[in-house]
């Protein structure tokens, strides 16, 4: 089979190597120039006899391909995809290709916020309880990198983005979770309706024995008309009390199943801060319940879990001021949870590249919890204008200047919170790069 891979980043590289190992003729086409990629990638392609091009997509030979595997985030409007469609060539995502070559149990997690923490927490619960689990997909390693070498008993825990779900065909996780849905990636999806529909695709191929887990408190997920007609096994997590599922009552996690109800642990014993991490913990409990995890295992795993990098990550305490790196907060909803995770006054550093951000969602949190706002990036003016009548605003050109100002504004016992509410691409490669820069500067403060 002749396979065209569009995109040479992590998932494209992994799909290309998997396709080649399966005996296919493979060509990788990447829009970015070659000098933006590690030389190791080029050497791997050459060693495996994978042909490639960088700096644009050649369109002349499209009709010769039997299958196209598209990397996450490649615009739907890309000319190469239009021509492929005109030639009736099947186009699938990398997770779809990997799935078709995987026999392992799969837990898949999507949603606007909380995916990474919940994915990592699920794997932590499983591994610390004596099971075998590996994290892949939108975090860690690409799904295609593991499917040929993985132990058949290992549970694959996948973080799945809307980009990856956009072109699935048969992808069917044994357990699927939608954490929440709030506006995000609208430049790619065009409309909120399309974004919502794409998230629901995680359930599109599930059958009766599979499990779908939904956030009971999310308005987009309470619409039962979206459920796959074959899905009978639906459970909810909530801070209130659904008919069945995991929820919080009087400060304790409660699990309600068909014929019984039991308390798991107090939420005060969860090792990571914030209301959002209560949601993440509830979802993780439901996702792992069918793998014979005991309540004692849950208590041990949830209390010992330290969280993930760049998500409300404690960075340092200096002169009684605590610094938190929340660079993964790339949208307004994620920042809402961060701003409501502390009792102490917050010096909030925000900004980056916007995505039709509605900052009014943060008004009450800012009035109640924020002492001052320090802005950076392309959205600095929009953030400043919106909150100017609520709190003091300080605008700076660089993140280094912003951190120095936040440190100067903070007093002992207060919080400096870097929770951008924006994408990172105006100033940084990605949110990881942005968070690493924040931590490096904070750790050099004297």
Protein backbone atom coordinates (compact mmCIF):
# COMPACT_ATOMS: atom_id res chain seq x y z
CA UNK A 1 0.00 0.00 0.00
CA UNK A 2 1.19 3.52 -0.80
CA UNK A 3 0.71 5.76 2.24
CA UNK A 4 1.14 9.51 2.46
CA UNK A 5 1.82 11.00 5.89
CA UNK A 6 1.04 14.71 6.20
CA UNK A 7 3.13 16.27 8.95
CA UNK A 8 6.51 15.16 10.32
CA UNK A 9 6.12 16.04 13.98
CA UNK A 10 5.68 13.46 16.76
CA UNK A 11 2.55 11.70 15.52
CA UNK A 12 3.49 11.94 11.84
CA UNK A 13 6.93 10.49 12.50
CA UNK A 14 5.43 7.64 14.54
CA UNK A 15 2.79 6.86 11.91
CA UNK A 16 5.43 6.82 9.19
CA UNK A 17 7.63 4.37 11.10
CA UNK A 18 4.68 2.11 11.93
CA UNK A 19 3.44 2.14 8.34
CA UNK A 20 6.92 1.23 7.07
CA UNK A 21 7.34 -1.60 9.60
CA UNK A 22 4.03 -2.99 8.38
CA UNK A 23 5.47 -3.25 4.87
CA UNK A 24 4.00 -0.18 3.18
CA UNK A 25 5.57 2.36 0.84
CA UNK A 26 5.66 5.58 2.84
CA UNK A 27 6.11 9.22 1.90
CA UNK A 28 6.13 12.05 4.48
CA UNK A 29 5.17 15.57 3.41
CA UNK A 30 5.84 18.43 5.82
CA UNK A 31 4.91 22.09 5.27
CA UNK A 32 7.61 23.47 7.62
CA UNK A 33 11.25 23.74 6.46
CA UNK A 34 13.66 20.92 7.25
CA UNK A 35 15.85 23.09 9.50
CA UNK A 36 13.05 23.20 12.07
CA UNK A 37 13.44 19.45 12.67
CA UNK A 38 16.07 17.43 14.48
CA UNK A 39 18.67 15.76 12.26
CA UNK A 40 17.88 12.51 14.08
CA UNK A 41 14.46 12.46 12.39
CA UNK A 42 16.01 12.73 8.92
CA UNK A 43 18.49 9.95 9.73
CA UNK A 44 15.64 7.70 10.88
CA UNK A 45 13.71 8.30 7.66
CA UNK A 46 16.78 7.51 5.59
CA UNK A 47 17.60 4.35 7.54
CA UNK A 48 14.03 3.07 7.14
CA UNK A 49 13.87 4.10 3.47
CA UNK A 50 11.01 6.50 4.15
CA UNK A 51 10.87 9.16 1.46
CA UNK A 52 10.14 12.73 2.55
CA UNK A 53 9.81 16.37 1.60
CA UNK A 54 9.94 19.57 3.67
CA UNK A 55 8.97 23.15 2.98
CA UNK A 56 5.64 22.47 1.25
CA UNK A 57 3.41 19.77 -0.17
CA UNK A 58 3.87 18.53 -3.74
CA UNK A 59 0.47 17.83 -5.25
CA UNK A 60 1.25 16.13 -8.58
CA UNK A 61 1.25 12.52 -7.35
CA UNK A 62 -1.68 12.59 -4.94
CA UNK A 63 -3.70 10.10 -7.00
CA UNK A 64 -1.01 7.42 -6.52
CA UNK A 65 -1.69 7.06 -2.78
CA UNK A 66 -4.08 4.54 -1.26
CA UNK A 67 -4.27 6.16 2.17
CA UNK A 68 -3.43 9.48 3.80
CA UNK A 69 -2.63 9.78 7.51
CA UNK A 70 -2.93 13.37 8.67
CA UNK A 71 -1.18 14.78 11.72
CA UNK A 72 -3.18 16.68 14.39
CA UNK A 73 -3.82 20.32 13.65
CA UNK A 74 -3.26 20.22 9.88
CA UNK A 75 -6.00 22.63 8.72
CA UNK A 76 -9.03 21.05 7.10
CA UNK A 77 -8.69 23.71 4.40
CA UNK A 78 -5.18 22.57 3.40
CA UNK A 79 -4.98 22.29 -0.38
CA UNK A 80 -3.46 18.83 -0.22
CA UNK A 81 -6.49 17.53 1.71
CA UNK A 82 -8.91 19.11 -0.74
CA UNK A 83 -7.21 17.42 -3.67
CA UNK A 84 -7.07 14.10 -1.81
CA UNK A 85 -10.80 14.30 -1.21
CA UNK A 86 -11.42 15.04 -4.90
CA UNK A 87 -9.47 11.87 -5.69
CA UNK A 88 -11.52 9.83 -3.18
CA UNK A 89 -8.47 8.92 -1.11
CA UNK A 90 -9.24 7.81 2.43
CA UNK A 91 -7.92 10.25 5.05
CA UNK A 92 -7.53 9.12 8.67
CA UNK A 93 -5.83 10.38 11.81
CA UNK A 94 -2.74 8.87 13.41
CA UNK A 95 -4.72 7.46 16.36
CA UNK A 96 -7.07 5.74 13.92
CA UNK A 97 -4.12 4.13 12.11
CA UNK A 98 -2.55 3.01 15.39
CA UNK A 99 -5.89 1.70 16.69
CA UNK A 100 -6.31 -0.52 13.64
CA UNK A 101 -3.05 -2.22 14.62
CA UNK A 102 -3.65 -2.47 18.38
CA UNK A 103 -5.25 -5.31 20.37
CA UNK A 104 -4.78 -3.84 23.87
CA UNK A 105 -7.47 -2.51 26.22
CA UNK A 106 -7.83 1.24 25.66
CA UNK A 107 -8.95 4.01 28.00
CA UNK A 108 -9.31 7.25 26.01
CA UNK A 109 -9.74 10.70 27.54
CA UNK A 110 -10.84 13.85 25.76
CA UNK A 111 -12.33 17.20 26.77
CA UNK A 112 -11.27 20.83 26.75
CA UNK A 113 -9.51 20.79 30.11
CA UNK A 114 -8.22 18.15 32.48
CA UNK A 115 -7.18 15.61 29.83
CA UNK A 116 -3.51 15.46 30.70
CA UNK A 117 -3.92 15.25 34.46
CA UNK A 118 -6.69 12.64 34.23
CA UNK A 119 -4.75 10.55 31.71
CA UNK A 120 -1.64 10.60 33.85
CA UNK A 121 -3.63 9.93 37.03
CA UNK A 122 -5.40 6.91 35.51
CA UNK A 123 -2.05 5.38 34.54
CA UNK A 124 -0.71 6.17 38.03
CA UNK A 125 -3.67 4.39 39.68
CA UNK A 126 -3.29 1.34 37.46
CA UNK A 127 0.49 1.03 37.76
CA UNK A 128 0.56 1.62 41.51
CA UNK A 129 -2.15 -1.07 41.89
CA UNK A 130 -0.06 -3.74 40.16
CA UNK A 131 -1.51 -3.40 36.66
CA UNK A 132 0.44 -2.47 33.55
CA UNK A 133 -0.45 0.83 31.92
CA UNK A 134 1.23 3.19 29.46
CA UNK A 135 0.34 6.79 28.61
CA UNK A 136 0.29 7.77 24.94
CA UNK A 137 -1.52 9.93 22.38
CA UNK A 138 -1.64 13.67 22.79
CA UNK A 139 0.91 13.46 25.63
CA UNK A 140 3.94 11.29 26.15
CA UNK A 141 4.63 9.06 23.19
CA UNK A 142 2.55 8.80 20.04
CA UNK A 143 0.09 5.90 19.91
CA UNK A 144 1.76 4.54 16.76
CA UNK A 145 5.08 4.27 18.58
CA UNK A 146 3.90 1.54 20.94
CA UNK A 147 1.42 -0.72 19.16
CA UNK A 148 3.88 -3.26 17.73
CA UNK A 149 6.02 -3.78 20.83
CA UNK A 150 3.57 -3.47 23.71
CA UNK A 151 2.71 -6.35 26.05
CA UNK A 152 -0.82 -7.59 25.21
CA UNK A 153 -1.90 -7.17 28.85
CA UNK A 154 -0.85 -3.53 29.07
CA UNK A 155 -3.66 -0.99 29.27
CA UNK A 156 -3.19 1.91 26.86
CA UNK A 157 -4.27 5.21 28.42
CA UNK A 158 -4.71 7.74 25.61
CA UNK A 159 -5.13 11.48 25.80
CA UNK A 160 -7.07 12.35 22.65
CA UNK A 161 -7.54 15.85 21.24
CA UNK A 162 -10.33 17.07 18.97
CA UNK A 163 -7.75 17.24 16.16
CA UNK A 164 -7.08 13.51 16.57
CA UNK A 165 -10.75 12.59 16.80
CA UNK A 166 -11.57 14.60 13.71
CA UNK A 167 -10.65 11.81 11.29
CA UNK A 168 -11.37 8.57 13.10
CA UNK A 169 -13.21 5.72 11.39
CA UNK A 170 -13.23 2.64 13.63
CA UNK A 171 -11.53 3.93 16.77
CA UNK A 172 -13.35 2.34 19.71
CA UNK A 173 -11.96 2.70 23.24
CA UNK A 174 -13.15 0.24 25.88
CA UNK A 175 -13.50 3.18 28.23
CA UNK A 176 -14.11 6.70 26.88
CA UNK A 177 -14.16 9.87 28.98
CA UNK A 178 -15.27 13.37 28.02
CA UNK A 179 -14.04 15.61 30.84
CA UNK A 180 -15.83 18.83 29.85
CA UNK A 181 -16.47 21.04 26.82
CA UNK A 182 -15.83 24.77 26.69
CA UNK A 183 -14.88 26.98 23.70
CA UNK A 184 -11.43 26.10 22.32
CA UNK A 185 -9.68 25.51 18.98
CA UNK A 186 -12.40 27.47 17.20
CA UNK A 187 -10.00 28.69 14.52
CA UNK A 188 -9.64 25.06 13.44
CA UNK A 189 -13.25 23.91 13.96
CA UNK A 190 -14.94 27.08 12.76
CA UNK A 191 -17.95 26.78 15.05
CA UNK A 192 -18.64 25.65 18.59
CA UNK A 193 -21.13 23.11 17.27
CA UNK A 194 -18.44 21.47 15.17
CA UNK A 195 -16.05 21.38 18.13
CA UNK A 196 -18.71 19.72 20.32
CA UNK A 197 -19.59 17.17 17.62
CA UNK A 198 -15.93 16.26 17.22
CA UNK A 199 -15.49 15.64 20.96
CA UNK A 200 -18.52 13.32 20.93
CA UNK A 201 -16.85 11.18 18.24
CA UNK A 202 -14.95 9.39 21.02
CA UNK A 203 -18.22 7.52 21.66
CA UNK A 204 -19.23 7.03 18.02
CA UNK A 205 -18.05 3.41 17.67
CA UNK A 206 -18.57 2.14 21.21
CA UNK A 207 -20.73 -0.92 21.75
CA UNK A 208 -22.90 -2.06 24.64
CA UNK A 209 -20.11 -3.58 26.72
CA UNK A 210 -17.96 -0.42 26.52
CA UNK A 211 -18.08 2.34 29.13
CA UNK A 212 -18.69 6.03 28.48
CA UNK A 213 -17.92 8.43 31.34
CA UNK A 214 -19.31 11.98 31.28
CA UNK A 215 -19.18 15.12 33.40
CA UNK A 216 -22.69 15.41 34.87
CA UNK A 217 -22.13 19.11 35.64
CA UNK A 218 -21.27 20.08 32.05
CA UNK A 219 -24.15 21.45 29.96
CA UNK A 220 -22.71 20.14 26.68
CA UNK A 221 -22.50 16.60 28.09
CA UNK A 222 -25.98 16.32 29.55
CA UNK A 223 -27.52 16.00 26.08
CA UNK A 224 -28.39 12.31 25.83
CA UNK A 225 -29.29 12.74 22.15
CA UNK A 226 -25.55 12.78 21.46
CA UNK A 227 -25.05 9.27 22.86
CA UNK A 228 -24.23 6.49 20.44
CA UNK A 229 -27.44 4.42 20.25
CA UNK A 230 -25.51 1.26 21.19
CA UNK A 231 -24.01 2.73 24.35
CA UNK A 232 -25.86 1.40 27.37
CA UNK A 233 -23.11 1.70 29.94
CA UNK A 234 -22.89 5.42 30.79
CA UNK A 235 -21.59 6.69 34.13
CA UNK A 236 -21.23 10.22 35.43
CA UNK A 237 -18.89 12.12 37.72
CA UNK A 238 -20.07 15.21 39.54
CA UNK A 239 -19.68 17.52 42.50
CA UNK A 240 -23.39 17.02 43.13
CA UNK A 241 -25.10 13.61 42.95
CA UNK A 242 -25.98 11.84 39.68
CA UNK A 243 -28.12 8.72 39.56
CA UNK A 244 -25.03 6.52 39.27
CA UNK A 245 -21.33 7.24 39.23
CA UNK A 246 -18.73 9.05 41.35
CA UNK A 247 -19.53 12.25 43.22
CA UNK A 248 -18.79 14.33 46.32
CA UNK A 249 -20.98 14.32 49.40
CA UNK A 250 -20.02 16.15 52.61
CA UNK A 251 -16.39 16.40 51.54
CA UNK A 252 -16.01 12.73 50.63
CA UNK A 253 -15.78 10.86 47.34
CA UNK A 254 -18.73 8.49 47.02
CA UNK A 255 -19.16 5.76 44.44
CA UNK A 256 -22.73 4.77 43.66
CA UNK A 257 -23.25 1.63 41.61
CA UNK A 258 -26.46 -0.18 40.76
CA UNK A 259 -26.90 -2.08 44.01
CA UNK A 260 -24.49 -0.41 46.41
CA UNK A 261 -22.92 2.84 47.54
CA UNK A 262 -19.57 3.32 49.25
CA UNK A 263 -17.26 6.08 50.42
CA UNK A 264 -13.79 6.06 48.89
CA UNK A 265 -11.92 8.85 50.69
CA UNK A 266 -12.12 12.49 51.83
CA UNK A 267 -11.31 14.95 49.03
CA UNK A 268 -8.90 16.66 51.46
CA UNK A 269 -6.57 13.66 51.01
CA UNK A 270 -6.23 14.14 47.24
CA UNK A 271 -2.62 15.07 46.61
CA UNK A 272 -3.25 17.79 44.02
CA UNK A 273 -4.99 21.11 44.65
CA UNK A 274 -8.16 22.54 43.18
CA UNK A 275 -11.76 21.76 42.36
CA UNK A 276 -10.76 20.70 38.86
CA UNK A 277 -8.56 17.97 40.34
CA UNK A 278 -11.54 16.63 42.27
CA UNK A 279 -13.27 16.23 38.90
CA UNK A 280 -10.15 14.58 37.49
CA UNK A 281 -9.99 12.16 40.41
CA UNK A 282 -13.66 11.20 40.12
CA UNK A 283 -13.27 10.45 36.41
CA UNK A 284 -10.13 8.41 37.05
CA UNK A 285 -11.90 6.29 39.68
CA UNK A 286 -14.74 5.46 37.29
CA UNK A 287 -12.35 4.69 34.44
CA UNK A 288 -10.32 2.18 36.45
CA UNK A 289 -13.12 0.54 38.44
CA UNK A 290 -13.57 -2.31 35.96
CA UNK A 291 -9.87 -3.21 36.31
CA UNK A 292 -10.39 -4.48 39.86
CA UNK A 293 -8.82 -1.59 41.76
CA UNK A 294 -9.49 -1.62 45.51
CA UNK A 295 -10.55 1.38 47.57
CA UNK A 296 -7.25 1.15 49.43
CA UNK A 297 -5.42 1.39 46.08
CA UNK A 298 -7.45 4.51 45.24
CA UNK A 299 -6.60 6.16 48.52
CA UNK A 300 -2.90 5.40 48.14
CA UNK A 301 -2.73 6.47 44.49
CA UNK A 302 -4.77 9.67 44.80
CA UNK A 303 -2.90 10.85 47.87
CA UNK A 304 0.52 10.13 46.35
CA UNK A 305 -0.10 11.63 42.89
CA UNK A 306 1.95 14.80 42.47
CA UNK A 307 0.26 16.15 39.34
CA UNK A 308 1.75 16.93 35.94
CA UNK A 309 4.20 19.51 34.70
CA UNK A 310 2.78 22.94 33.84
CA UNK A 311 -0.63 22.33 35.46
CA UNK A 312 -0.87 24.30 38.71
CA UNK A 313 2.69 23.16 39.31
CA UNK A 314 4.26 24.53 42.47
CA UNK A 315 7.54 26.07 41.38
CA UNK A 316 9.11 27.80 44.34
CA UNK A 317 8.56 29.73 47.57
CA UNK A 318 10.64 32.87 48.05
CA UNK A 319 10.23 35.26 51.00
CA UNK A 320 6.88 33.68 51.77
CA UNK A 321 5.60 34.16 48.18
CA UNK A 322 4.60 30.97 46.37
CA UNK A 323 4.98 30.73 42.58
CA UNK A 324 2.79 28.40 40.49
CA UNK A 325 3.31 27.43 36.85
CA UNK A 326 -0.02 26.85 35.10
CA UNK A 327 1.25 27.26 31.55
CA UNK A 328 -1.06 24.48 30.36
CA UNK A 329 -3.98 26.86 30.96
CA UNK A 330 -4.34 27.71 27.28
CA UNK A 331 -7.98 28.80 27.52
CA UNK A 332 -10.23 30.84 29.80
CA UNK A 333 -11.99 27.89 31.40
CA UNK A 334 -8.74 26.32 32.52
CA UNK A 335 -7.65 29.59 34.12
CA UNK A 336 -11.00 29.84 35.92
CA UNK A 337 -10.14 26.69 37.86
CA UNK A 338 -6.67 28.00 38.67
CA UNK A 339 -7.96 31.33 39.97
CA UNK A 340 -10.35 29.46 42.25
CA UNK A 341 -7.77 27.06 43.67
CA UNK A 342 -6.26 29.41 46.27
CA UNK A 343 -7.49 31.21 49.37
CA UNK A 344 -4.56 33.65 49.31
CA UNK A 345 -4.45 36.86 47.20
CA UNK A 346 -3.16 36.20 43.67
CA UNK A 347 -0.84 38.21 41.43
CA UNK A 348 -2.02 36.85 38.09
CA UNK A 349 0.28 36.73 35.04
CA UNK A 350 -1.77 36.24 31.86
CA UNK A 351 -1.59 36.61 28.11
CA UNK A 352 -0.48 35.01 24.89
CA UNK A 353 -2.37 34.34 21.67
CA UNK A 354 -6.16 34.54 21.98
CA UNK A 355 -8.78 32.25 20.50
CA UNK A 356 -11.94 34.38 20.66
CA UNK A 357 -11.48 34.50 24.45
CA UNK A 358 -14.43 35.57 26.60
CA UNK A 359 -12.80 37.02 29.72
CA UNK A 360 -16.15 37.83 31.33
CA UNK A 361 -16.18 34.24 32.54
CA UNK A 362 -13.36 35.23 34.92
CA UNK A 363 -14.92 38.43 36.30
CA UNK A 364 -16.14 37.09 39.63
CA UNK A 365 -12.97 35.09 40.21
CA UNK A 366 -10.81 38.13 39.51
CA UNK A 367 -12.88 40.40 41.76
CA UNK A 368 -12.75 37.89 44.59
CA UNK A 369 -9.26 36.36 44.35
CA UNK A 370 -6.89 38.57 42.34
CA UNK A 371 -4.84 41.46 43.76
CA UNK A 372 -3.23 42.60 40.47
CA UNK A 373 -2.85 41.44 36.86
CA UNK A 374 0.38 41.41 34.85
CA UNK A 375 -0.12 40.93 31.11
CA UNK A 376 2.11 39.79 28.23
CA UNK A 377 1.74 38.74 24.59
CA UNK A 378 -0.75 39.49 21.83
CA UNK A 379 -3.75 39.44 24.17
CA UNK A 380 -2.25 41.86 26.71
CA UNK A 381 -4.32 44.84 25.55
CA UNK A 382 -7.58 42.85 25.46
CA UNK A 383 -7.02 41.48 28.95
CA UNK A 384 -6.01 44.89 30.24
CA UNK A 385 -9.05 46.64 28.79
CA UNK A 386 -11.43 44.03 30.12
CA UNK A 387 -10.19 44.07 33.72
CA UNK A 388 -8.97 47.67 33.95
CA UNK A 389 -11.87 48.82 36.13
CA UNK A 390 -11.57 45.82 38.45
CA UNK A 391 -7.87 45.51 39.29
CA UNK A 392 -4.49 47.22 38.71
CA UNK A 393 -3.04 46.19 35.34
CA UNK A 394 0.68 46.05 34.47
CA UNK A 395 1.69 45.31 30.87
CA UNK A 396 5.18 44.07 29.90
CA UNK A 397 6.98 43.05 26.72
CA UNK A 398 8.62 39.89 28.07
CA UNK A 399 7.76 37.14 30.49
CA UNK A 400 10.91 37.95 32.47
CA UNK A 401 9.75 41.52 33.06
CA UNK A 402 6.29 40.25 34.00
CA UNK A 403 7.69 37.84 36.59
CA UNK A 404 9.88 40.54 38.17
CA UNK A 405 6.87 42.87 38.42
CA UNK A 406 4.66 40.14 39.91
CA UNK A 407 7.34 39.37 42.49
CA UNK A 408 7.60 43.06 43.41
CA UNK A 409 3.81 43.33 43.76
CA UNK A 410 3.44 40.25 45.94
CA UNK A 411 3.70 40.22 49.71
CA UNK A 412 4.51 37.37 52.06
CA UNK A 413 1.67 34.83 52.08
CA UNK A 414 0.48 35.70 48.55
CA UNK A 415 0.54 33.76 45.28
CA UNK A 416 2.18 34.54 41.93
CA UNK A 417 0.13 32.52 39.44
CA UNK A 418 1.18 32.14 35.81
CA UNK A 419 -2.04 30.98 34.18
CA UNK A 420 -2.09 32.54 30.70
CA UNK A 421 -5.67 31.73 29.53
CA UNK A 422 -4.16 31.92 26.03
CA UNK A 423 -2.22 29.85 23.54
CA UNK A 424 1.57 30.09 23.63
CA UNK A 425 2.42 30.45 19.96
CA UNK A 426 2.94 34.22 19.89
CA UNK A 427 6.12 33.99 21.99
CA UNK A 428 6.91 30.30 22.57
CA UNK A 429 7.08 26.96 20.75
CA UNK A 430 4.35 25.41 22.91
CA UNK A 431 2.97 25.56 26.46
CA UNK A 432 5.77 23.28 27.72
CA UNK A 433 8.40 25.69 26.43
CA UNK A 434 6.50 28.60 27.99
CA UNK A 435 6.25 26.85 31.35
CA UNK A 436 9.91 25.85 31.33
CA UNK A 437 10.92 29.47 30.72
CA UNK A 438 8.69 30.62 33.58
CA UNK A 439 10.20 28.07 35.98
CA UNK A 440 13.75 28.89 34.93
CA UNK A 441 13.26 32.62 35.58
CA UNK A 442 11.47 32.06 38.90
CA UNK A 443 14.22 29.76 40.13
CA UNK A 444 16.83 32.45 39.42
CA UNK A 445 15.05 35.12 41.47
CA UNK A 446 16.99 36.40 44.50
